[in-house]
Protein backbone atom coordinates (compact mmCIF):
# COMPACT_ATOMS: atom_id res chain seq x y z
CA UNK A 1 0.00 0.00 0.00
CA UNK A 2 1.17 3.51 -0.84
CA UNK A 3 1.99 5.92 1.99
CA UNK A 4 -0.10 8.89 0.90
CA UNK A 5 1.47 11.22 3.47
CA UNK A 6 4.80 11.07 1.62
CA UNK A 7 3.42 10.92 -1.91
CA UNK A 8 4.33 13.75 -4.29
CA UNK A 9 1.75 14.45 -6.96
CA UNK A 10 2.79 15.57 -10.43
CA UNK A 11 -0.18 17.95 -10.40
CA UNK A 12 -2.67 19.15 -7.77
CA UNK A 13 -6.14 20.40 -8.67
CA UNK A 14 -8.03 22.52 -6.13
CA UNK A 15 -11.74 21.65 -6.49
CA UNK A 16 -12.67 22.49 -2.89
CA UNK A 17 -15.23 25.12 -3.89
CA UNK A 18 -17.09 22.71 -6.21
CA UNK A 19 -19.92 20.40 -5.32
CA UNK A 20 -20.23 16.98 -6.91
CA UNK A 21 -19.70 16.25 -9.79
CA UNK A 22 -17.29 19.21 -10.08
CA UNK A 23 -14.21 17.50 -8.59
CA UNK A 24 -14.82 14.43 -10.78
CA UNK A 25 -15.07 16.61 -13.89
CA UNK A 26 -11.82 18.32 -12.89
CA UNK A 27 -10.16 14.92 -12.56
CA UNK A 28 -11.38 13.91 -16.02
CA UNK A 29 -10.09 17.16 -17.47
CA UNK A 30 -6.73 17.05 -15.64
CA UNK A 31 -5.69 13.37 -15.81
CA UNK A 32 -4.33 13.88 -19.32
CA UNK A 33 -1.94 16.57 -18.09
CA UNK A 34 0.13 14.11 -16.04
CA UNK A 35 2.32 11.41 -17.54
CA UNK A 36 1.39 7.72 -17.39
CA UNK A 37 2.55 6.44 -14.01
CA UNK A 38 2.36 9.87 -12.38
CA UNK A 39 -0.08 10.92 -9.65
CA UNK A 40 -2.84 13.51 -9.84
CA UNK A 41 -4.03 14.94 -6.52
CA UNK A 42 -7.55 16.36 -6.26
CA UNK A 43 -8.61 18.56 -3.35
CA UNK A 44 -12.35 18.11 -2.79
CA UNK A 45 -14.70 19.66 -0.27
CA UNK A 46 -17.66 17.51 -1.26
CA UNK A 47 -17.62 14.26 0.80
CA UNK A 48 -19.37 12.36 -2.01
CA UNK A 49 -16.28 12.73 -4.19
CA UNK A 50 -14.34 10.06 -2.29
CA UNK A 51 -17.09 7.58 -3.22
CA UNK A 52 -17.33 8.61 -6.86
CA UNK A 53 -13.61 8.88 -7.66
CA UNK A 54 -12.67 5.19 -7.09
CA UNK A 55 -15.60 4.09 -9.29
CA UNK A 56 -14.56 6.45 -12.06
CA UNK A 57 -10.91 5.31 -11.85
CA UNK A 58 -11.94 1.66 -12.11
CA UNK A 59 -14.29 2.39 -15.01
CA UNK A 60 -11.70 4.25 -17.09
CA UNK A 61 -8.60 2.25 -16.09
CA UNK A 62 -6.69 4.41 -13.63
CA UNK A 63 -5.55 3.51 -10.10
CA UNK A 64 -7.28 5.16 -7.13
CA UNK A 65 -4.57 5.28 -4.47
CA UNK A 66 -6.75 6.60 -1.65
CA UNK A 67 -7.53 9.79 0.21
CA UNK A 68 -6.37 11.80 3.20
CA UNK A 69 -8.47 14.09 5.37
CA UNK A 70 -7.10 17.62 5.42
CA UNK A 71 -8.38 20.77 7.13
CA UNK A 72 -11.99 20.91 5.89
CA UNK A 73 -11.42 18.99 2.67
CA UNK A 74 -10.10 15.70 1.35
CA UNK A 75 -7.01 14.98 -0.71
CA UNK A 76 -7.65 12.24 -3.29
CA UNK A 77 -4.82 10.55 -5.16
CA UNK A 78 -5.13 9.00 -8.63
CA UNK A 79 -2.42 7.31 -10.66
CA UNK A 80 -2.67 7.58 -14.43
CA UNK A 81 -2.29 4.13 -15.95
CA UNK A 82 -3.01 4.78 -19.62
C-alpha atoms as a PDB file:
ATOM      1  CA  UNK A   1       0.000   0.000   0.000  1.00  0.00           C
ATOM      2  CA  UNK A   2       1.173   3.509  -0.841  1.00  0.00           C
ATOM      3  CA  UNK A   3       1.990   5.917   1.992  1.00  0.00           C
ATOM      4  CA  UNK A   4      -0.102   8.887   0.901  1.00  0.00           C
ATOM      5  CA  UNK A   5       1.467  11.218   3.471  1.00  0.00           C
ATOM      6  CA  UNK A   6       4.801  11.069   1.623  1.00  0.00           C
ATOM      7  CA  UNK A   7       3.419  10.919  -1.913  1.00  0.00           C
ATOM      8  CA  UNK A   8       4.327  13.754  -4.287  1.00  0.00           C
ATOM      9  CA  UNK A   9       1.747  14.448  -6.960  1.00  0.00           C
ATOM     10  CA  UNK A  10       2.789  15.568 -10.427  1.00  0.00           C
ATOM     11  CA  UNK A  11      -0.184  17.955 -10.397  1.00  0.00           C
ATOM     12  CA  UNK A  12      -2.670  19.148  -7.775  1.00  0.00           C
ATOM     13  CA  UNK A  13      -6.139  20.398  -8.670  1.00  0.00           C
ATOM     14  CA  UNK A  14      -8.030  22.520  -6.135  1.00  0.00           C
ATOM     15  CA  UNK A  15     -11.736  21.652  -6.493  1.00  0.00           C
ATOM     16  CA  UNK A  16     -12.669  22.488  -2.886  1.00  0.00           C
ATOM     17  CA  UNK A  17     -15.231  25.122  -3.891  1.00  0.00           C
ATOM     18  CA  UNK A  18     -17.087  22.713  -6.206  1.00  0.00           C
ATOM     19  CA  UNK A  19     -19.915  20.397  -5.316  1.00  0.00           C
ATOM     20  CA  UNK A  20     -20.235  16.981  -6.908  1.00  0.00           C
ATOM     21  CA  UNK A  21     -19.698  16.255  -9.785  1.00  0.00           C
ATOM     22  CA  UNK A  22     -17.288  19.215 -10.082  1.00  0.00           C
ATOM     23  CA  UNK A  23     -14.213  17.496  -8.593  1.00  0.00           C
ATOM     24  CA  UNK A  24     -14.823  14.435 -10.777  1.00  0.00           C
ATOM     25  CA  UNK A  25     -15.071  16.609 -13.891  1.00  0.00           C
ATOM     26  CA  UNK A  26     -11.823  18.324 -12.890  1.00  0.00           C
ATOM     27  CA  UNK A  27     -10.163  14.917 -12.557  1.00  0.00           C
ATOM     28  CA  UNK A  28     -11.385  13.907 -16.019  1.00  0.00           C
ATOM     29  CA  UNK A  29     -10.085  17.165 -17.469  1.00  0.00           C
ATOM     30  CA  UNK A  30      -6.732  17.045 -15.639  1.00  0.00           C
ATOM     31  CA  UNK A  31      -5.687  13.373 -15.807  1.00  0.00           C
ATOM     32  CA  UNK A  32      -4.326  13.878 -19.324  1.00  0.00           C
ATOM     33  CA  UNK A  33      -1.942  16.573 -18.093  1.00  0.00           C
ATOM     34  CA  UNK A  34       0.130  14.109 -16.039  1.00  0.00           C
ATOM     35  CA  UNK A  35       2.323  11.409 -17.539  1.00  0.00           C
ATOM     36  CA  UNK A  36       1.392   7.724 -17.394  1.00  0.00           C
ATOM     37  CA  UNK A  37       2.555   6.437 -14.012  1.00  0.00           C
ATOM     38  CA  UNK A  38       2.358   9.867 -12.378  1.00  0.00           C
ATOM     39  CA  UNK A  39      -0.076  10.922  -9.648  1.00  0.00           C
ATOM     40  CA  UNK A  40      -2.842  13.513  -9.837  1.00  0.00           C
ATOM     41  CA  UNK A  41      -4.030  14.944  -6.522  1.00  0.00           C
ATOM     42  CA  UNK A  42      -7.554  16.361  -6.264  1.00  0.00           C
ATOM     43  CA  UNK A  43      -8.611  18.561  -3.348  1.00  0.00           C
ATOM     44  CA  UNK A  44     -12.350  18.114  -2.785  1.00  0.00           C
ATOM     45  CA  UNK A  45     -14.698  19.664  -0.269  1.00  0.00           C
ATOM     46  CA  UNK A  46     -17.664  17.511  -1.261  1.00  0.00           C
ATOM     47  CA  UNK A  47     -17.623  14.261   0.799  1.00  0.00           C
ATOM     48  CA  UNK A  48     -19.373  12.364  -2.011  1.00  0.00           C
ATOM     49  CA  UNK A  49     -16.283  12.729  -4.192  1.00  0.00           C
ATOM     50  CA  UNK A  50     -14.341  10.062  -2.285  1.00  0.00           C
ATOM     51  CA  UNK A  51     -17.093   7.575  -3.216  1.00  0.00           C
ATOM     52  CA  UNK A  52     -17.331   8.613  -6.865  1.00  0.00           C
ATOM     53  CA  UNK A  53     -13.611   8.877  -7.657  1.00  0.00           C
ATOM     54  CA  UNK A  54     -12.673   5.188  -7.089  1.00  0.00           C
ATOM     55  CA  UNK A  55     -15.598   4.087  -9.292  1.00  0.00           C
ATOM     56  CA  UNK A  56     -14.556   6.449 -12.057  1.00  0.00           C
ATOM     57  CA  UNK A  57     -10.914   5.311 -11.853  1.00  0.00           C
ATOM     58  CA  UNK A  58     -11.941   1.659 -12.109  1.00  0.00           C
ATOM     59  CA  UNK A  59     -14.288   2.389 -15.008  1.00  0.00           C
ATOM     60  CA  UNK A  60     -11.695   4.250 -17.092  1.00  0.00           C
ATOM     61  CA  UNK A  61      -8.603   2.255 -16.090  1.00  0.00           C
ATOM     62  CA  UNK A  62      -6.685   4.411 -13.628  1.00  0.00           C
ATOM     63  CA  UNK A  63      -5.552   3.514 -10.100  1.00  0.00           C
ATOM     64  CA  UNK A  64      -7.280   5.164  -7.133  1.00  0.00           C
ATOM     65  CA  UNK A  65      -4.567   5.279  -4.469  1.00  0.00           C
ATOM     66  CA  UNK A  66      -6.754   6.596  -1.648  1.00  0.00           C
ATOM     67  CA  UNK A  67      -7.527   9.787   0.208  1.00  0.00           C
ATOM     68  CA  UNK A  68      -6.373  11.802   3.198  1.00  0.00           C
ATOM     69  CA  UNK A  69      -8.471  14.090   5.366  1.00  0.00           C
ATOM     70  CA  UNK A  70      -7.100  17.624   5.424  1.00  0.00           C
ATOM     71  CA  UNK A  71      -8.384  20.773   7.126  1.00  0.00           C
ATOM     72  CA  UNK A  72     -11.988  20.908   5.894  1.00  0.00           C
ATOM     73  CA  UNK A  73     -11.417  18.987   2.668  1.00  0.00           C
ATOM     74  CA  UNK A  74     -10.101  15.696   1.351  1.00  0.00           C
ATOM     75  CA  UNK A  75      -7.009  14.982  -0.710  1.00  0.00           C
ATOM     76  CA  UNK A  76      -7.649  12.243  -3.288  1.00  0.00           C
ATOM     77  CA  UNK A  77      -4.822  10.552  -5.162  1.00  0.00           C
ATOM     78  CA  UNK A  78      -5.135   9.003  -8.632  1.00  0.00           C
ATOM     79  CA  UNK A  79      -2.421   7.314 -10.661  1.00  0.00           C
ATOM     80  CA  UNK A  80      -2.671   7.580 -14.427  1.00  0.00           C
ATOM     81  CA  UNK A  81      -2.294   4.126 -15.950  1.00  0.00           C
ATOM     82  CA  UNK A  82      -3.007   4.784 -19.617  1.00  0.00           C
END
